[in-house]
Amino acid sequence: MQLKETVLVLFSPTGTTEKIGRAVAAATGLPVRTIDLCREAPHLQIPADSLLVVAMPVYGGRLPCAAADRLRGLHSAGGPAVAVVVYGNRAYEDALFEMRDILREGGFVTAAAGAFVAEHSIIRTIAAGRPDADDLAQAETLGRDAAQKLALSPTPAEIPVPGSAAYRDRKPGRGGAPVTGEACTGCGRCAAVCPMGAIPRKAPDTTTDACIGCMRCVSVCPEHARSLPAPALERIAAFLSQTASTPRRPELFL
């Protein structure tokens, strides 16, 4: 099939998933158009001659609820897709399977997929520095091979991906909502970029129940004034020290 463009769909609160997604999209060799689901929740019909590349993080073995809901706003009449999940070195469990299902519901055909590791967004010492050069090279391989595979086929064919239709239970809030320390200057940068609108612009030192624990506010704060409460950090660090200590490598499905 002849493809005209790559449509890159991102949900990347802390930026690491975006690195993988952009590497995959660029390697397709097609013009790239980007949809940022952290900033918008579009309802769009994607042309069947566009290649959709979707990159999202994994929260507790699932897609973030907000990201999954916003992805459901995209539709196609049989266009190809590359599904990409990025996790913090523990496990991606049902996230890739869930993404494939949502894409199928929207009329897309998942012709390729990948699971990649990035620095954990809460405990930054887990998978620190990833994605690294090898991860990005594998992401480029996925994008290049997916585009070449589709160019040789008149229609896309769906591939199997790991996971279960009986999705694991979603755990809300991950480690809870970040709290604000005395270093906060009230600049409002966190409120401006929160994908859930969970930080009031007139009171950026507070957080509402809409928070999904994505850590975007923590990553952008110039004063390092936002963080999870110490007990939550200690609990998560202890859990990950037992389940995420062995480095994992990218997995490609073509």
Protein backbone atom coordinates (compact mmCIF):
# COMPACT_ATOMS: atom_id res chain seq x y z
CA MET A 1 0.00 0.00 0.00
CA GLN A 2 1.09 3.56 -0.63
CA LEU A 3 1.20 5.68 2.52
CA LYS A 4 1.14 9.48 2.43
CA GLU A 5 2.03 10.44 5.99
CA THR A 6 2.67 9.26 9.52
CA VAL A 7 0.32 10.56 12.20
CA LEU A 8 2.14 10.41 15.54
CA VAL A 9 -0.18 10.27 18.55
CA LEU A 10 1.52 10.93 21.88
CA PHE A 11 0.61 10.83 25.53
CA SER A 12 3.91 11.60 27.21
CA PRO A 13 3.61 13.57 30.45
CA THR A 14 7.32 13.41 31.36
CA GLY A 15 8.79 13.30 27.84
CA THR A 16 10.39 9.85 27.73
CA THR A 17 7.57 8.20 25.77
CA GLU A 18 7.78 11.05 23.28
CA LYS A 19 11.43 10.22 22.56
CA ILE A 20 10.50 6.67 21.59
CA GLY A 21 7.44 7.74 19.60
CA ARG A 22 9.34 10.35 17.60
CA ALA A 23 12.11 7.86 16.80
CA VAL A 24 9.57 5.35 15.48
CA ALA A 25 7.70 7.97 13.45
CA ALA A 26 10.81 9.58 11.93
CA ALA A 27 12.13 6.19 10.79
CA THR A 28 9.02 5.53 8.68
CA GLY A 29 10.44 7.98 6.14
CA LEU A 30 7.09 9.73 5.74
CA PRO A 31 6.05 13.29 6.61
CA VAL A 32 5.05 13.33 10.28
CA ARG A 33 2.01 15.07 11.77
CA THR A 34 1.74 15.04 15.58
CA ILE A 35 -1.30 14.85 17.86
CA ASP A 36 -0.48 15.47 21.53
CA LEU A 37 -3.13 13.88 23.75
CA CYS A 38 -1.69 15.65 26.77
CA ARG A 39 -2.92 18.89 25.21
CA GLU A 40 -6.02 17.91 23.27
CA ALA A 41 -8.75 15.29 23.01
CA PRO A 42 -9.57 15.38 19.30
CA HIS A 43 -12.30 13.55 17.43
CA LEU A 44 -10.76 12.86 14.04
CA GLN A 45 -11.09 10.55 11.07
CA ILE A 46 -7.57 9.50 10.06
CA PRO A 47 -7.23 8.71 6.32
CA ALA A 48 -6.68 5.04 5.54
CA ASP A 49 -3.50 5.94 3.63
CA SER A 50 -1.95 7.45 6.77
CA LEU A 51 0.18 5.38 9.15
CA LEU A 52 -0.85 5.93 12.75
CA VAL A 53 1.92 5.61 15.35
CA VAL A 54 0.59 5.67 18.92
CA ALA A 55 3.02 5.95 21.86
CA MET A 56 1.80 5.87 25.46
CA PRO A 57 3.24 5.07 28.90
CA VAL A 58 2.15 2.15 31.05
CA TYR A 59 0.64 2.74 34.49
CA GLY A 60 0.28 -0.43 36.55
CA GLY A 61 0.14 -2.70 33.51
CA ARG A 62 -2.54 -0.63 31.73
CA LEU A 63 -2.78 2.47 29.57
CA PRO A 64 -3.47 5.68 31.52
CA CYS A 65 -7.25 6.04 31.66
CA ALA A 66 -7.20 9.55 30.18
CA ALA A 67 -4.92 8.48 27.33
CA ALA A 68 -7.13 5.50 26.50
CA ASP A 69 -10.26 7.66 26.50
CA ARG A 70 -8.68 10.26 24.21
CA LEU A 71 -7.36 7.62 21.82
CA ARG A 72 -10.96 6.49 21.34
CA GLY A 73 -11.61 9.81 19.61
CA LEU A 74 -9.56 8.71 16.58
CA HIS A 75 -11.10 6.61 13.82
CA SER A 76 -10.14 5.09 10.48
CA ALA A 77 -11.57 2.90 7.74
CA GLY A 78 -8.95 0.18 7.93
CA GLY A 79 -5.81 2.29 8.13
CA PRO A 80 -2.59 0.78 9.55
CA ALA A 81 -1.26 1.50 13.03
CA VAL A 82 1.90 0.91 15.03
CA ALA A 83 1.18 0.47 18.75
CA VAL A 84 3.95 1.49 21.15
CA VAL A 85 3.96 1.25 24.94
CA VAL A 86 6.71 2.53 27.23
CA TYR A 87 7.12 1.24 30.78
CA GLY A 88 9.41 1.80 33.74
CA ASN A 89 11.25 -1.54 33.58
CA ARG A 90 8.74 -3.55 35.66
CA ALA A 91 6.19 -4.94 33.16
CA TYR A 92 3.78 -3.73 30.49
CA GLU A 93 1.31 -6.59 31.12
CA ASP A 94 -1.99 -5.82 29.30
CA ALA A 95 -1.18 -2.32 28.03
CA LEU A 96 -0.21 -3.31 24.49
CA PHE A 97 -3.19 -5.65 24.19
CA GLU A 98 -5.47 -2.86 25.45
CA MET A 99 -4.06 -0.41 22.90
CA ARG A 100 -4.55 -2.92 20.09
CA ASP A 101 -8.18 -3.38 21.17
CA ILE A 102 -8.87 0.37 21.22
CA LEU A 103 -7.29 0.79 17.80
CA ARG A 104 -9.38 -2.08 16.45
CA GLU A 105 -12.55 -0.50 17.85
CA GLY A 106 -11.63 2.71 16.02
CA GLY A 107 -11.22 0.93 12.69
CA PHE A 108 -7.42 0.73 12.66
CA VAL A 109 -5.35 -2.36 11.90
CA THR A 110 -2.37 -2.83 14.22
CA ALA A 111 0.29 -3.97 11.78
CA ALA A 112 3.29 -3.59 14.12
CA ALA A 113 3.94 -2.95 17.79
CA GLY A 114 6.67 -2.43 20.34
CA ALA A 115 7.27 -2.32 24.08
CA PHE A 116 10.10 -0.11 25.32
CA VAL A 117 11.68 0.80 28.64
CA ALA A 118 12.17 4.34 29.93
CA GLU A 119 13.25 5.89 33.20
CA HIS A 120 10.53 5.34 35.78
CA SER A 121 8.55 8.54 36.18
CA ILE A 122 8.21 8.19 39.97
CA ILE A 123 11.43 6.44 41.06
CA ARG A 124 13.91 8.00 38.66
CA THR A 125 16.75 5.67 39.63
CA ILE A 126 14.85 2.78 38.01
CA ALA A 127 15.99 2.52 34.35
CA ALA A 128 17.83 5.83 34.75
CA GLY A 129 18.95 7.36 31.47
CA ARG A 130 16.58 5.36 29.32
CA PRO A 131 15.63 5.37 26.58
CA ASP A 132 19.30 5.10 25.67
CA ALA A 133 20.94 4.94 22.25
CA ASP A 134 20.18 1.23 21.88
CA ASP A 135 16.50 1.79 22.77
CA LEU A 136 16.20 4.55 20.19
CA ALA A 137 17.92 2.41 17.57
CA GLN A 138 15.35 -0.32 18.20
CA ALA A 139 12.57 2.26 17.92
CA GLU A 140 13.95 3.30 14.55
CA THR A 141 14.05 -0.33 13.47
CA LEU A 142 10.38 -0.70 14.38
CA GLY A 143 9.35 2.35 12.36
CA ARG A 144 11.49 1.48 9.35
CA ASP A 145 10.49 -2.19 9.22
CA ALA A 146 6.80 -1.41 9.72
CA ALA A 147 6.81 1.05 6.83
CA GLN A 148 8.68 -1.38 4.58
CA LYS A 149 6.31 -4.21 5.47
CA LEU A 150 3.26 -2.10 4.65
CA ALA A 151 4.77 -0.92 1.37
CA LEU A 152 4.94 -4.55 0.22
CA SER A 153 1.33 -5.38 1.12
CA PRO A 154 -1.88 -4.16 -0.56
CA THR A 155 -3.67 -4.06 2.80
CA PRO A 156 -2.46 -4.12 6.42
CA ALA A 157 -2.76 -7.32 8.45
CA GLU A 158 -3.24 -7.33 12.20
CA ILE A 159 -0.51 -8.92 14.31
CA PRO A 160 -0.92 -10.68 17.68
CA VAL A 161 0.43 -8.90 20.76
CA PRO A 162 1.00 -10.09 24.34
CA GLY A 163 -1.62 -9.51 27.00
CA SER A 164 -5.07 -10.59 28.06
CA ALA A 165 -8.58 -9.41 27.23
CA ALA A 166 -9.33 -9.75 30.95
CA TYR A 167 -7.35 -6.59 31.64
CA ARG A 168 -5.72 -6.31 35.04
CA ASP A 169 -7.54 -3.99 37.44
CA ARG A 170 -6.66 -0.35 37.02
CA LYS A 171 -5.17 1.21 40.14
CA PRO A 172 -6.18 4.89 40.30
CA GLY A 173 -3.67 7.59 41.11
CA ARG A 174 -0.58 5.35 41.02
CA GLY A 175 1.18 6.67 44.12
CA GLY A 176 -1.32 9.41 44.91
CA ALA A 177 -1.23 13.08 43.99
CA PRO A 178 1.98 15.10 44.30
CA VAL A 179 2.13 17.63 47.10
CA THR A 180 3.65 21.10 47.01
CA GLY A 181 6.52 22.19 49.22
CA GLU A 182 7.59 25.57 50.52
CA ALA A 183 9.81 26.20 47.49
CA CYS A 184 6.72 26.81 45.33
CA THR A 185 6.69 30.35 43.91
CA GLY A 186 3.20 30.10 42.42
CA CYS A 187 4.53 30.47 38.86
CA GLY A 188 1.72 28.27 37.54
CA ARG A 189 3.81 26.27 35.10
CA CYS A 190 2.50 23.00 36.52
CA ALA A 191 -1.10 24.15 36.14
CA ALA A 192 -0.49 25.20 32.54
CA VAL A 193 0.75 21.77 31.44
CA CYS A 194 -1.29 19.35 33.58
CA PRO A 195 -3.04 17.05 31.06
CA MET A 196 -6.01 16.59 33.39
CA GLY A 197 -6.44 20.21 34.48
CA ALA A 198 -6.01 18.92 38.02
CA ILE A 199 -4.01 21.93 39.25
CA PRO A 200 -6.05 25.14 39.62
CA ARG A 201 -4.35 28.04 37.85
CA LYS A 202 -5.27 30.40 40.69
CA ALA A 203 -4.01 27.95 43.32
CA PRO A 204 -1.12 26.00 41.77
CA ASP A 205 -0.01 24.76 45.17
CA THR A 206 -3.05 22.47 45.31
CA THR A 207 -4.17 19.38 43.37
CA THR A 208 -7.71 18.13 42.70
CA ASP A 209 -9.06 14.58 42.54
CA ALA A 210 -8.67 14.63 38.73
CA CYS A 211 -4.94 13.88 39.17
CA ILE A 212 -3.81 10.59 37.58
CA GLY A 213 -0.31 10.67 39.05
CA CYS A 214 1.43 11.22 35.71
CA MET A 215 4.26 13.26 37.32
CA ARG A 216 4.19 15.95 34.63
CA CYS A 217 3.96 18.67 37.27
CA VAL A 218 6.93 17.19 39.14
CA SER A 219 9.03 17.04 35.98
CA VAL A 220 8.39 20.64 34.87
CA CYS A 221 8.60 22.48 38.22
CA PRO A 222 11.61 24.84 38.01
CA GLU A 223 11.90 24.92 41.81
CA HIS A 224 11.51 21.15 42.35
CA ALA A 225 8.69 22.05 44.70
CA ARG A 226 6.31 19.20 43.84
CA SER A 227 6.76 15.56 44.80
CA LEU A 228 4.88 12.55 46.08
CA PRO A 229 4.57 12.28 49.86
CA ALA A 230 7.57 10.50 51.39
CA PRO A 231 5.58 7.44 52.58
CA ALA A 232 4.28 6.84 49.05
CA LEU A 233 7.76 7.19 47.55
CA GLU A 234 9.19 4.74 50.07
CA ARG A 235 6.44 2.20 49.40
CA ILE A 236 6.84 2.40 45.62
CA ALA A 237 10.64 2.26 45.82
CA ALA A 238 10.50 -0.87 47.98
CA PHE A 239 8.11 -2.57 45.55
CA LEU A 240 10.16 -1.67 42.47
CA SER A 241 13.41 -2.77 44.09
CA GLN A 242 11.96 -6.29 44.08
CA THR A 243 10.20 -6.24 40.70
CA ALA A 244 12.11 -3.87 38.40
CA SER A 245 15.79 -4.34 39.19
CA THR A 246 16.71 -6.48 36.16
CA PRO A 247 17.17 -4.34 33.01
CA ARG A 248 14.67 -5.21 30.29
CA ARG A 249 15.14 -4.76 26.57
CA PRO A 250 12.78 -3.54 23.85
CA GLU A 251 10.38 -6.02 22.27
CA LEU A 252 9.29 -5.59 18.65
CA PHE A 253 6.29 -7.24 17.01
CA LEU A 254 6.18 -7.14 13.22
